[in-house]
Amino acid sequence: MSYVAKHRFARISARKVRPLATMVRGKYADDALNMLKYQPERGARMLEKVIRSAMGNAEDLRARDISTLRVIDIRVDGGPMFKRIRPRARGMAHVIKRRSAHISVKLE
């Protein structure tokens, strides 16, 4: 049985979280948490929280052995963008895109 947790509208670019997601994909959940604990990136904290939430969901749904849960699918998709305008030289304007991400983790 699979257990899912999602963090939608995370205020970080999906591009910054994807390398961390590929690092822990296919690992045991405990090992993935240990790997992420020592990563200095802000996205690692977000991934940790989502994996812990999926483990909590497994515990609530009476999973047999939580220590054997494996991260089988971890996806980081782009979310909506806040668009802001910044004034530039000669009366021009540039758009600043504040990106967000949808992080989903599936344990089995």
PDB file of N, CA and C in Angstrom:
ATOM      1  N   MET A   1       0.840  -1.174   0.000  1.00  0.00           N
ATOM      2  CA  MET A   1       0.000   0.000   0.000  1.00  0.00           C
ATOM      3  C   MET A   1       0.886   1.240   0.000  1.00  0.00           C
ATOM      4  N   SER A   2       0.439   2.284  -0.690  1.00  0.00           N
ATOM      5  CA  SER A   2       1.251   3.492  -0.772  1.00  0.00           C
ATOM      6  C   SER A   2       0.637   4.601   0.077  1.00  0.00           C
ATOM      7  N   TYR A   3       1.517   5.448   0.592  1.00  0.00           N
ATOM      8  CA  TYR A   3       1.126   6.551   1.466  1.00  0.00           C
ATOM      9  C   TYR A   3       1.664   7.840   0.855  1.00  0.00           C
ATOM     10  N   VAL A   4       0.795   8.845   0.756  1.00  0.00           N
ATOM     11  CA  VAL A   4       1.121  10.053   0.008  1.00  0.00           C
ATOM     12  C   VAL A   4       1.045  11.273   0.919  1.00  0.00           C
ATOM     13  N   ALA A   5       1.928  12.223   0.683  1.00  0.00           N
ATOM     14  CA  ALA A   5       1.867  13.536   1.333  1.00  0.00           C
ATOM     15  C   ALA A   5       2.256  14.583   0.298  1.00  0.00           C
ATOM     16  N   LYS A   6       1.635  15.755   0.393  1.00  0.00           N
ATOM     17  CA  LYS A   6       1.906  16.824  -0.570  1.00  0.00           C
ATOM     18  C   LYS A   6       2.121  18.148   0.146  1.00  0.00           C
ATOM     19  N   HIS A   7       3.002  18.942  -0.410  1.00  0.00           N
ATOM     20  CA  HIS A   7       3.153  20.332   0.009  1.00  0.00           C
ATOM     21  C   HIS A   7       2.909  21.165  -1.239  1.00  0.00           C
ATOM     22  N   ARG A   8       1.744  21.769  -1.291  1.00  0.00           N
ATOM     23  CA  ARG A   8       1.384  22.565  -2.458  1.00  0.00           C
ATOM     24  C   ARG A   8       1.688  24.035  -2.173  1.00  0.00           C
ATOM     25  N   PHE A   9       2.010  24.747  -3.229  1.00  0.00           N
ATOM     26  CA  PHE A   9       2.297  26.180  -3.177  1.00  0.00           C
ATOM     27  C   PHE A   9       3.489  26.490  -2.258  1.00  0.00           C
ATOM     28  N   ALA A  10       4.505  25.642  -2.278  1.00  0.00           N
ATOM     29  CA  ALA A  10       5.726  25.893  -1.508  1.00  0.00           C
ATOM     30  C   ALA A  10       6.432  27.100  -2.116  1.00  0.00           C
ATOM     31  N   ARG A  11       6.861  28.038  -1.283  1.00  0.00           N
ATOM     32  CA  ARG A  11       7.447  29.279  -1.774  1.00  0.00           C
ATOM     33  C   ARG A  11       8.938  29.104  -2.091  1.00  0.00           C
ATOM     34  N   ILE A  12       9.200  28.229  -3.045  1.00  0.00           N
ATOM     35  CA  ILE A  12      10.563  28.004  -3.515  1.00  0.00           C
ATOM     36  C   ILE A  12      10.458  27.533  -4.957  1.00  0.00           C
ATOM     37  N   SER A  13      11.440  27.832  -5.736  1.00  0.00           N
ATOM     38  CA  SER A  13      11.440  27.411  -7.125  1.00  0.00           C
ATOM     39  C   SER A  13      11.609  25.892  -7.210  1.00  0.00           C
ATOM     40  N   ALA A  14      10.876  25.264  -8.100  1.00  0.00           N
ATOM     41  CA  ALA A  14      10.960  23.815  -8.262  1.00  0.00           C
ATOM     42  C   ALA A  14      12.363  23.396  -8.707  1.00  0.00           C
ATOM     43  N   ARG A  15      13.029  24.271  -9.420  1.00  0.00           N
ATOM     44  CA  ARG A  15      14.366  23.979  -9.925  1.00  0.00           C
ATOM     45  C   ARG A  15      15.380  23.790  -8.797  1.00  0.00           C
ATOM     46  N   LYS A  16      15.136  24.449  -7.665  1.00  0.00           N
ATOM     47  CA  LYS A  16      16.054  24.342  -6.538  1.00  0.00           C
ATOM     48  C   LYS A  16      15.835  23.073  -5.727  1.00  0.00           C
ATOM     49  N   VAL A  17      14.637  22.490  -5.818  1.00  0.00           N
ATOM     50  CA  VAL A  17      14.310  21.320  -5.004  1.00  0.00           C
ATOM     51  C   VAL A  17      14.556  20.020  -5.762  1.00  0.00           C
ATOM     52  N   ARG A  18      14.485  20.053  -7.083  1.00  0.00           N
ATOM     53  CA  ARG A  18      14.596  18.825  -7.875  1.00  0.00           C
ATOM     54  C   ARG A  18      15.889  18.036  -7.659  1.00  0.00           C
ATOM     55  N   PRO A  19      17.072  18.668  -7.558  1.00  0.00           N
ATOM     56  CA  PRO A  19      18.279  17.859  -7.314  1.00  0.00           C
ATOM     57  C   PRO A  19      18.219  17.105  -5.992  1.00  0.00           C
ATOM     58  N   LEU A  20      17.607  17.700  -4.976  1.00  0.00           N
ATOM     59  CA  LEU A  20      17.462  17.017  -3.688  1.00  0.00           C
ATOM     60  C   LEU A  20      16.492  15.859  -3.813  1.00  0.00           C
ATOM     61  N   ALA A  21      15.449  16.030  -4.618  1.00  0.00           N
ATOM     62  CA  ALA A  21      14.461  14.972  -4.810  1.00  0.00           C
ATOM     63  C   ALA A  21      15.087  13.769  -5.519  1.00  0.00           C
ATOM     64  N   THR A  22      15.920  14.020  -6.518  1.00  0.00           N
ATOM     65  CA  THR A  22      16.554  12.905  -7.217  1.00  0.00           C
ATOM     66  C   THR A  22      17.558  12.190  -6.313  1.00  0.00           C
ATOM     67  N   MET A  23      18.115  12.928  -5.352  1.00  0.00           N
ATOM     68  CA  MET A  23      19.084  12.332  -4.432  1.00  0.00           C
ATOM     69  C   MET A  23      18.424  11.290  -3.528  1.00  0.00           C
ATOM     70  N   VAL A  24      17.183  11.533  -3.091  1.00  0.00           N
ATOM     71  CA  VAL A  24      16.548  10.622  -2.133  1.00  0.00           C
ATOM     72  C   VAL A  24      15.553   9.663  -2.781  1.00  0.00           C
ATOM     73  N   ARG A  25      15.301   9.794  -4.063  1.00  0.00           N
ATOM     74  CA  ARG A  25      14.352   8.903  -4.739  1.00  0.00           C
ATOM     75  C   ARG A  25      14.858   7.464  -4.714  1.00  0.00           C
ATOM     76  N   GLY A  26      14.010   6.535  -4.278  1.00  0.00           N
ATOM     77  CA  GLY A  26      14.374   5.120  -4.232  1.00  0.00           C
ATOM     78  C   GLY A  26      15.010   4.683  -2.917  1.00  0.00           C
ATOM     79  N   LYS A  27      15.299   5.597  -2.022  1.00  0.00           N
ATOM     80  CA  LYS A  27      15.931   5.257  -0.739  1.00  0.00           C
ATOM     81  C   LYS A  27      14.855   4.914   0.294  1.00  0.00           C
ATOM     82  N   TYR A  28      15.289   4.276   1.381  1.00  0.00           N
ATOM     83  CA  TYR A  28      14.392   4.081   2.518  1.00  0.00           C
ATOM     84  C   TYR A  28      14.106   5.451   3.130  1.00  0.00           C
ATOM     85  N   ALA A  29      12.916   5.599   3.708  1.00  0.00           N
ATOM     86  CA  ALA A  29      12.496   6.910   4.229  1.00  0.00           C
ATOM     87  C   ALA A  29      13.435   7.393   5.331  1.00  0.00           C
ATOM     88  N   ASP A  30      13.869   6.496   6.215  1.00  0.00           N
ATOM     89  CA  ASP A  30      14.790   6.893   7.287  1.00  0.00           C
ATOM     90  C   ASP A  30      16.127   7.375   6.720  1.00  0.00           C
ATOM     91  N   ASP A  31      16.634   6.658   5.718  1.00  0.00           N
ATOM     92  CA  ASP A  31      17.897   7.064   5.094  1.00  0.00           C
ATOM     93  C   ASP A  31      17.748   8.400   4.377  1.00  0.00           C
ATOM     94  N   ALA A  32      16.596   8.601   3.741  1.00  0.00           N
ATOM     95  CA  ALA A  32      16.355   9.862   3.040  1.00  0.00           C
ATOM     96  C   ALA A  32      16.344  11.028   4.019  1.00  0.00           C
ATOM     97  N   LEU A  33      15.726  10.834   5.185  1.00  0.00           N
ATOM     98  CA  LEU A  33      15.704  11.899   6.192  1.00  0.00           C
ATOM     99  C   LEU A  33      17.105  12.194   6.710  1.00  0.00           C
ATOM    100  N   ASN A  34      17.907  11.148   6.899  1.00  0.00           N
ATOM    101  CA  ASN A  34      19.291  11.356   7.353  1.00  0.00           C
ATOM    102  C   ASN A  34      20.117  12.098   6.310  1.00  0.00           C
ATOM    103  N   MET A  35      19.892  11.778   5.033  1.00  0.00           N
ATOM    104  CA  MET A  35      20.634  12.471   3.976  1.00  0.00           C
ATOM    105  C   MET A  35      20.242  13.947   3.909  1.00  0.00           C
ATOM    106  N   LEU A  36      18.952  14.222   4.033  1.00  0.00           N
ATOM    107  CA  LEU A  36      18.480  15.598   3.916  1.00  0.00           C
ATOM    108  C   LEU A  36      18.846  16.452   5.125  1.00  0.00           C
ATOM    109  N   LYS A  37      19.031  15.798   6.275  1.00  0.00           N
ATOM    110  CA  LYS A  37      19.333  16.536   7.500  1.00  0.00           C
ATOM    111  C   LYS A  37      20.632  17.330   7.370  1.00  0.00           C
ATOM    112  N   TYR A  38      21.587  16.807   6.622  1.00  0.00           N
ATOM    113  CA  TYR A  38      22.900  17.434   6.517  1.00  0.00           C
ATOM    114  C   TYR A  38      23.076  18.268   5.253  1.00  0.00           C
ATOM    115  N   GLN A  39      22.009  18.481   4.511  1.00  0.00           N
ATOM    116  CA  GLN A  39      22.084  19.342   3.331  1.00  0.00           C
ATOM    117  C   GLN A  39      21.799  20.784   3.737  1.00  0.00           C
ATOM    118  N   PRO A  40      22.598  21.731   3.288  1.00  0.00           N
ATOM    119  CA  PRO A  40      22.419  23.117   3.730  1.00  0.00           C
ATOM    120  C   PRO A  40      21.287  23.861   3.017  1.00  0.00           C
ATOM    121  N   GLU A  41      20.715  23.299   1.950  1.00  0.00           N
ATOM    122  CA  GLU A  41      19.717  24.016   1.165  1.00  0.00           C
ATOM    123  C   GLU A  41      18.385  24.136   1.900  1.00  0.00           C
ATOM    124  N   ARG A  42      17.647  25.200   1.599  1.00  0.00           N
ATOM    125  CA  ARG A  42      16.347  25.431   2.206  1.00  0.00           C
ATOM    126  C   ARG A  42      15.320  24.413   1.720  1.00  0.00           C
ATOM    127  N   GLY A  43      15.470  23.945   0.499  1.00  0.00           N
ATOM    128  CA  GLY A  43      14.546  22.957  -0.047  1.00  0.00           C
ATOM    129  C   GLY A  43      14.638  21.622   0.669  1.00  0.00           C
ATOM    130  N   ALA A  44      15.780  21.338   1.271  1.00  0.00           N
ATOM    131  CA  ALA A  44      15.931  20.083   2.017  1.00  0.00           C
ATOM    132  C   ALA A  44      15.014  20.071   3.231  1.00  0.00           C
ATOM    133  N   ARG A  45      14.836  21.234   3.887  1.00  0.00           N
ATOM    134  CA  ARG A  45      13.918  21.302   5.037  1.00  0.00           C
ATOM    135  C   ARG A  45      12.482  21.020   4.594  1.00  0.00           C
ATOM    136  N   MET A  46      12.110  21.532   3.429  1.00  0.00           N
ATOM    137  CA  MET A  46      10.753  21.305   2.930  1.00  0.00           C
ATOM    138  C   MET A  46      10.532  19.840   2.585  1.00  0.00           C
ATOM    139  N   LEU A  47      11.521  19.223   1.935  1.00  0.00           N
ATOM    140  CA  LEU A  47      11.406  17.799   1.599  1.00  0.00           C
ATOM    141  C   LEU A  47      11.342  16.939   2.855  1.00  0.00           C
ATOM    142  N   GLU A  48      12.133  17.297   3.869  1.00  0.00           N
ATOM    143  CA  GLU A  48      12.091  16.566   5.140  1.00  0.00           C
ATOM    144  C   GLU A  48      10.683  16.570   5.718  1.00  0.00           C
ATOM    145  N   LYS A  49      10.054  17.738   5.726  1.00  0.00           N
ATOM    146  CA  LYS A  49       8.725  17.861   6.300  1.00  0.00           C
ATOM    147  C   LYS A  49       7.706  17.020   5.540  1.00  0.00           C
ATOM    148  N   VAL A  50       7.819  16.991   4.220  1.00  0.00           N
ATOM    149  CA  VAL A  50       6.862  16.226   3.423  1.00  0.00           C
ATOM    150  C   VAL A  50       7.068  14.727   3.647  1.00  0.00           C
ATOM    151  N   ILE A  51       8.312  14.286   3.737  1.00  0.00           N
ATOM    152  CA  ILE A  51       8.574  12.853   3.977  1.00  0.00           C
ATOM    153  C   ILE A  51       8.091  12.466   5.371  1.00  0.00           C
ATOM    154  N   ARG A  52       8.326  13.331   6.359  1.00  0.00           N
ATOM    155  CA  ARG A  52       7.818  13.046   7.712  1.00  0.00           C
ATOM    156  C   ARG A  52       6.290  12.985   7.724  1.00  0.00           C
ATOM    157  N   SER A  53       5.653  13.837   6.960  1.00  0.00           N
ATOM    158  CA  SER A  53       4.196  13.826   6.878  1.00  0.00           C
ATOM    159  C   SER A  53       3.693  12.533   6.250  1.00  0.00           C
ATOM    160  N   ALA A  54       4.363  12.068   5.201  1.00  0.00           N
ATOM    161  CA  ALA A  54       3.976  10.799   4.571  1.00  0.00           C
ATOM    162  C   ALA A  54       4.174   9.636   5.547  1.00  0.00           C
ATOM    163  N   MET A  55       5.248   9.688   6.349  1.00  0.00           N
ATOM    164  CA  MET A  55       5.462   8.636   7.350  1.00  0.00           C
ATOM    165  C   MET A  55       4.369   8.688   8.421  1.00  0.00           C
ATOM    166  N   GLY A  56       3.957   9.897   8.783  1.00  0.00           N
ATOM    167  CA  GLY A  56       2.866  10.048   9.735  1.00  0.00           C
ATOM    168  C   GLY A  56       1.553   9.527   9.179  1.00  0.00           C
ATOM    169  N   ASN A  57       1.321   9.755   7.892  1.00  0.00           N
ATOM    170  CA  ASN A  57       0.121   9.218   7.250  1.00  0.00           C
ATOM    171  C   ASN A  57       0.142   7.695   7.259  1.00  0.00           C
ATOM    172  N   ALA A  58       1.319   7.126   7.042  1.00  0.00           N
ATOM    173  CA  ALA A  58       1.448   5.662   7.069  1.00  0.00           C
ATOM    174  C   ALA A  58       1.157   5.138   8.475  1.00  0.00           C
ATOM    175  N   GLU A  59       1.625   5.857   9.488  1.00  0.00           N
ATOM    176  CA  GLU A  59       1.387   5.440  10.862  1.00  0.00           C
ATOM    177  C   GLU A  59      -0.107   5.522  11.211  1.00  0.00           C
ATOM    178  N   ASP A  60      -0.773   6.575  10.747  1.00  0.00           N
ATOM    179  CA  ASP A  60      -2.202   6.723  11.001  1.00  0.00           C
ATOM    180  C   ASP A  60      -3.021   5.632  10.322  1.00  0.00           C
ATOM    181  N   LEU A  61      -2.558   5.220   9.139  1.00  0.00           N
ATOM    182  CA  LEU A  61      -3.282   4.189   8.402  1.00  0.00           C
ATOM    183  C   LEU A  61      -2.811   2.780   8.749  1.00  0.00           C
ATOM    184  N   ARG A  62      -2.131   2.658   9.892  1.00  0.00           N
ATOM    185  CA  ARG A  62      -1.711   1.366  10.443  1.00  0.00           C
ATOM    186  C   ARG A  62      -0.789   0.577   9.505  1.00  0.00           C
ATOM    187  N   ALA A  63       0.269   1.220   9.068  1.00  0.00           N
ATOM    188  CA  ALA A  63       1.272   0.511   8.276  1.00  0.00           C
ATOM    189  C   ALA A  63       1.958  -0.518   9.159  1.00  0.00           C
ATOM    190  N   ARG A  64       2.335  -1.629   8.570  1.00  0.00           N
ATOM    191  CA  ARG A  64       2.915  -2.719   9.369  1.00  0.00           C
ATOM    192  C   ARG A  64       4.249  -2.329   9.976  1.00  0.00           C
ATOM    193  N   ASP A  65       5.188  -1.957   9.122  1.00  0.00           N
ATOM    194  CA  ASP A  65       6.528  -1.622   9.621  1.00  0.00           C
ATOM    195  C   ASP A  65       6.985  -0.331   8.962  1.00  0.00           C
ATOM    196  N   ILE A  66       7.025   0.737   9.723  1.00  0.00           N
ATOM    197  CA  ILE A  66       7.356   2.047   9.172  1.00  0.00           C
ATOM    198  C   ILE A  66       8.832   2.140   8.790  1.00  0.00           C
ATOM    199  N   SER A  67       9.671   1.342   9.427  1.00  0.00           N
ATOM    200  CA  SER A  67      11.102   1.418   9.130  1.00  0.00           C
ATOM    201  C   SER A  67      11.444   0.866   7.747  1.00  0.00           C
ATOM    202  N   THR A  68      10.540   0.112   7.133  1.00  0.00           N
ATOM    203  CA  THR A  68      10.820  -0.454   5.808  1.00  0.00           C
ATOM    204  C   THR A  68      10.174   0.349   4.685  1.00  0.00           C
ATOM    205  N   LEU A  69       9.617   1.513   4.994  1.00  0.00           N
ATOM    206  CA  LEU A  69       8.999   2.329   3.948  1.00  0.00           C
ATOM    207  C   LEU A  69      10.078   2.892   3.029  1.00  0.00           C
ATOM    208  N   ARG A  70       9.780   2.881   1.743  1.00  0.00           N
ATOM    209  CA  ARG A  70      10.720   3.338   0.730  1.00  0.00           C
ATOM    210  C   ARG A  70      10.083   4.472  -0.072  1.00  0.00           C
ATOM    211  N   VAL A  71      10.900   5.465  -0.427  1.00  0.00           N
ATOM    212  CA  VAL A  71      10.417   6.576  -1.251  1.00  0.00           C
ATOM    213  C   VAL A  71      10.371   6.086  -2.691  1.00  0.00           C
ATOM    214  N   ILE A  72       9.169   5.763  -3.169  1.00  0.00           N
ATOM    215  CA  ILE A  72       9.091   5.222  -4.531  1.00  0.00           C
ATOM    216  C   ILE A  72       8.850   6.312  -5.562  1.00  0.00           C
ATOM    217  N   ASP A  73       8.158   7.382  -5.165  1.00  0.00           N
ATOM    218  CA  ASP A  73       7.887   8.459  -6.117  1.00  0.00           C
ATOM    219  C   ASP A  73       7.973   9.788  -5.392  1.00  0.00           C
ATOM    220  N   ILE A  74       8.754  10.679  -5.923  1.00  0.00           N
ATOM    221  CA  ILE A  74       8.863  12.018  -5.356  1.00  0.00           C
ATOM    222  C   ILE A  74       8.873  12.979  -6.535  1.00  0.00           C
ATOM    223  N   ARG A  75       7.904  13.892  -6.545  1.00  0.00           N
ATOM    224  CA  ARG A  75       7.749  14.798  -7.681  1.00  0.00           C
ATOM    225  C   ARG A  75       7.791  16.232  -7.199  1.00  0.00           C
ATOM    226  N   VAL A  76       8.463  17.056  -7.974  1.00  0.00           N
ATOM    227  CA  VAL A  76       8.511  18.488  -7.701  1.00  0.00           C
ATOM    228  C   VAL A  76       8.064  19.183  -8.984  1.00  0.00           C
ATOM    229  N   ASP A  77       6.850  19.698  -8.958  1.00  0.00           N
ATOM    230  CA  ASP A  77       6.275  20.363 -10.121  1.00  0.00           C
ATOM    231  C   ASP A  77       6.193  21.862  -9.855  1.00  0.00           C
ATOM    232  N   GLY A  78       6.202  22.620 -10.914  1.00  0.00           N
ATOM    233  CA  GLY A  78       6.080  24.065 -10.784  1.00  0.00           C
ATOM    234  C   GLY A  78       4.665  24.472 -10.419  1.00  0.00           C
ATOM    235  N   GLY A  79       4.552  25.452  -9.556  1.00  0.00           N
ATOM    236  CA  GLY A  79       3.255  25.972  -9.157  1.00  0.00           C
ATOM    237  C   GLY A  79       3.012  27.330  -9.805  1.00  0.00           C
ATOM    238  N   PRO A  80       2.013  28.048  -9.343  1.00  0.00           N
ATOM    239  CA  PRO A  80       1.742  29.372  -9.907  1.00  0.00           C
ATOM    240  C   PRO A  80       2.823  30.376  -9.521  1.00  0.00           C
ATOM    241  N   MET A  81       2.900  31.450 -10.299  1.00  0.00           N
ATOM    242  CA  MET A  81       3.912  32.474 -10.062  1.00  0.00           C
ATOM    243  C   MET A  81       3.243  33.787  -9.683  1.00  0.00           C
ATOM    244  N   PHE A  82       3.829  34.482  -8.715  1.00  0.00           N
ATOM    245  CA  PHE A  82       3.443  35.861  -8.451  1.00  0.00           C
ATOM    246  C   PHE A  82       4.253  36.712  -9.411  1.00  0.00           C
ATOM    247  N   LYS A  83       3.604  37.599 -10.106  1.00  0.00           N
ATOM    248  CA  LYS A  83       4.321  38.452 -11.049  1.00  0.00           C
ATOM    249  C   LYS A  83       4.362  39.875 -10.522  1.00  0.00           C
ATOM    250  N   ARG A  84       5.570  40.409 -10.434  1.00  0.00           N
ATOM    251  CA  ARG A  84       5.776  41.763  -9.954  1.00  0.00           C
ATOM    252  C   ARG A  84       6.511  42.555 -11.040  1.00  0.00           C
ATOM    253  N   ILE A  85       6.327  43.847 -11.040  1.00  0.00           N
ATOM    254  CA  ILE A  85       6.985  44.683 -12.039  1.00  0.00           C
ATOM    255  C   ILE A  85       8.009  45.570 -11.343  1.00  0.00           C
ATOM    256  N   ARG A  86       9.200  45.608 -11.930  1.00  0.00           N
ATOM    257  CA  ARG A  86      10.291  46.404 -11.377  1.00  0.00           C
ATOM    258  C   ARG A  86      10.661  47.488 -12.394  1.00  0.00           C
ATOM    259  N   PRO A  87      10.702  48.725 -11.971  1.00  0.00           N
ATOM    260  CA  PRO A  87      11.083  49.786 -12.914  1.00  0.00           C
ATOM    261  C   PRO A  87      12.560  49.682 -13.302  1.00  0.00           C
ATOM    262  N   ARG A  88      12.825  49.958 -14.577  1.00  0.00           N
ATOM    263  CA  ARG A  88      14.199  49.907 -15.094  1.00  0.00           C
ATOM    264  C   ARG A  88      14.505  51.233 -15.804  1.00  0.00           C
ATOM    265  N   ALA A  89      15.654  51.286 -16.396  1.00  0.00           N
ATOM    266  CA  ALA A  89      16.115  52.518 -17.036  1.00  0.00           C
ATOM    267  C   ALA A  89      15.229  52.890 -18.233  1.00  0.00           C
ATOM    268  N   ARG A  90      15.167  54.180 -18.549  1.00  0.00           N
ATOM    269  CA  ARG A  90      14.453  54.755 -19.694  1.00  0.00           C
ATOM    270  C   ARG A  90      12.963  54.401 -19.697  1.00  0.00           C
ATOM    271  N   GLY A  91      12.380  54.300 -18.505  1.00  0.00           N
ATOM    272  CA  GLY A  91      10.943  54.098 -18.412  1.00  0.00           C
ATOM    273  C   GLY A  91      10.462  52.687 -18.697  1.00  0.00           C
ATOM    274  N   MET A  92      11.381  51.750 -18.813  1.00  0.00           N
ATOM    275  CA  MET A  92      10.977  50.361 -19.074  1.00  0.00           C
ATOM    276  C   MET A  92      10.616  49.665 -17.769  1.00  0.00           C
ATOM    277  N   ALA A  93      10.021  48.489 -17.913  1.00  0.00           N
ATOM    278  CA  ALA A  93       9.666  47.682 -16.745  1.00  0.00           C
ATOM    279  C   ALA A  93      10.021  46.233 -17.030  1.00  0.00           C
ATOM    280  N   HIS A  94      10.548  45.543 -16.028  1.00  0.00           N
ATOM    281  CA  HIS A  94      10.841  44.114 -16.142  1.00  0.00           C
ATOM    282  C   HIS A  94       9.954  43.348 -15.177  1.00  0.00           C
ATOM    283  N   VAL A  95       9.558  42.158 -15.590  1.00  0.00           N
ATOM    284  CA  VAL A  95       8.702  41.328 -14.751  1.00  0.00           C
ATOM    285  C   VAL A  95       9.574  40.448 -13.862  1.00  0.00           C
ATOM    286  N   ILE A  96       9.271  40.431 -12.580  1.00  0.00           N
ATOM    287  CA  ILE A  96       9.926  39.528 -11.637  1.00  0.00           C
ATOM    288  C   ILE A  96       8.935  38.435 -11.314  1.00  0.00           C
ATOM    289  N   LYS A  97       9.335  37.197 -11.516  1.00  0.00           N
ATOM    290  CA  LYS A  97       8.450  36.057 -11.256  1.00  0.00           C
ATOM    291  C   LYS A  97       8.852  35.405  -9.945  1.00  0.00           C
ATOM    292  N   ARG A  98       7.967  35.428  -8.973  1.00  0.00           N
ATOM    293  CA  ARG A  98       8.191  34.752  -7.699  1.00  0.00           C
ATOM    294  C   ARG A  98       7.596  33.359  -7.848  1.00  0.00           C
ATOM    295  N   ARG A  99       8.457  32.381  -7.980  1.00  0.00           N
ATOM    296  CA  ARG A  99       8.002  31.036  -8.315  1.00  0.00           C
ATOM    297  C   ARG A  99       7.599  30.237  -7.083  1.00  0.00           C
ATOM    298  N   SER A 100       6.748  29.247  -7.314  1.00  0.00           N
ATOM    299  CA  SER A 100       6.344  28.329  -6.252  1.00  0.00           C
ATOM    300  C   SER A 100       6.395  26.915  -6.810  1.00  0.00           C
ATOM    301  N   ALA A 101       6.240  25.935  -5.921  1.00  0.00           N
ATOM    302  CA  ALA A 101       6.362  24.538  -6.323  1.00  0.00           C
ATOM    303  C   ALA A 101       5.333  23.692  -5.610  1.00  0.00           C
ATOM    304  N   HIS A 102       5.007  22.564  -6.228  1.00  0.00           N
ATOM    305  CA  HIS A 102       4.165  21.543  -5.605  1.00  0.00           C
ATOM    306  C   HIS A 102       5.076  20.321  -5.379  1.00  0.00           C
ATOM    307  N   ILE A 103       5.236  19.917  -4.123  1.00  0.00           N
ATOM    308  CA  ILE A 103       6.096  18.780  -3.770  1.00  0.00           C
ATOM    309  C   ILE A 103       5.192  17.641  -3.326  1.00  0.00           C
ATOM    310  N   SER A 104       5.336  16.477  -3.945  1.00  0.00           N
ATOM    311  CA  SER A 104       4.537  15.311  -3.526  1.00  0.00           C
ATOM    312  C   SER A 104       5.450  14.109  -3.345  1.00  0.00           C
ATOM    313  N   VAL A 105       5.198  13.345  -2.289  1.00  0.00           N
ATOM    314  CA  VAL A 105       6.016  12.184  -1.937  1.00  0.00           C
ATOM    315  C   VAL A 105       5.102  10.984  -1.766  1.00  0.00           C
ATOM    316  N   LYS A 106       5.524   9.855  -2.350  1.00  0.00           N
ATOM    317  CA  LYS A 106       4.768   8.613  -2.183  1.00  0.00           C
ATOM    318  C   LYS A 106       5.697   7.549  -1.587  1.00  0.00           C
ATOM    319  N   LEU A 107       5.279   6.998  -0.458  1.00  0.00           N
ATOM    320  CA  LEU A 107       6.053   5.938   0.204  1.00  0.00           C
ATOM    321  C   LEU A 107       5.321   4.609   0.011  1.00  0.00           C
ATOM    322  N   GLU A 108       6.095   3.551  -0.039  1.00  0.00           N
ATOM    323  CA  GLU A 108       5.493   2.211  -0.175  1.00  0.00           C
ATOM    324  C   GLU A 108       6.282   1.209   0.633  1.00  0.00           C
TER     325      GLU A 108
END
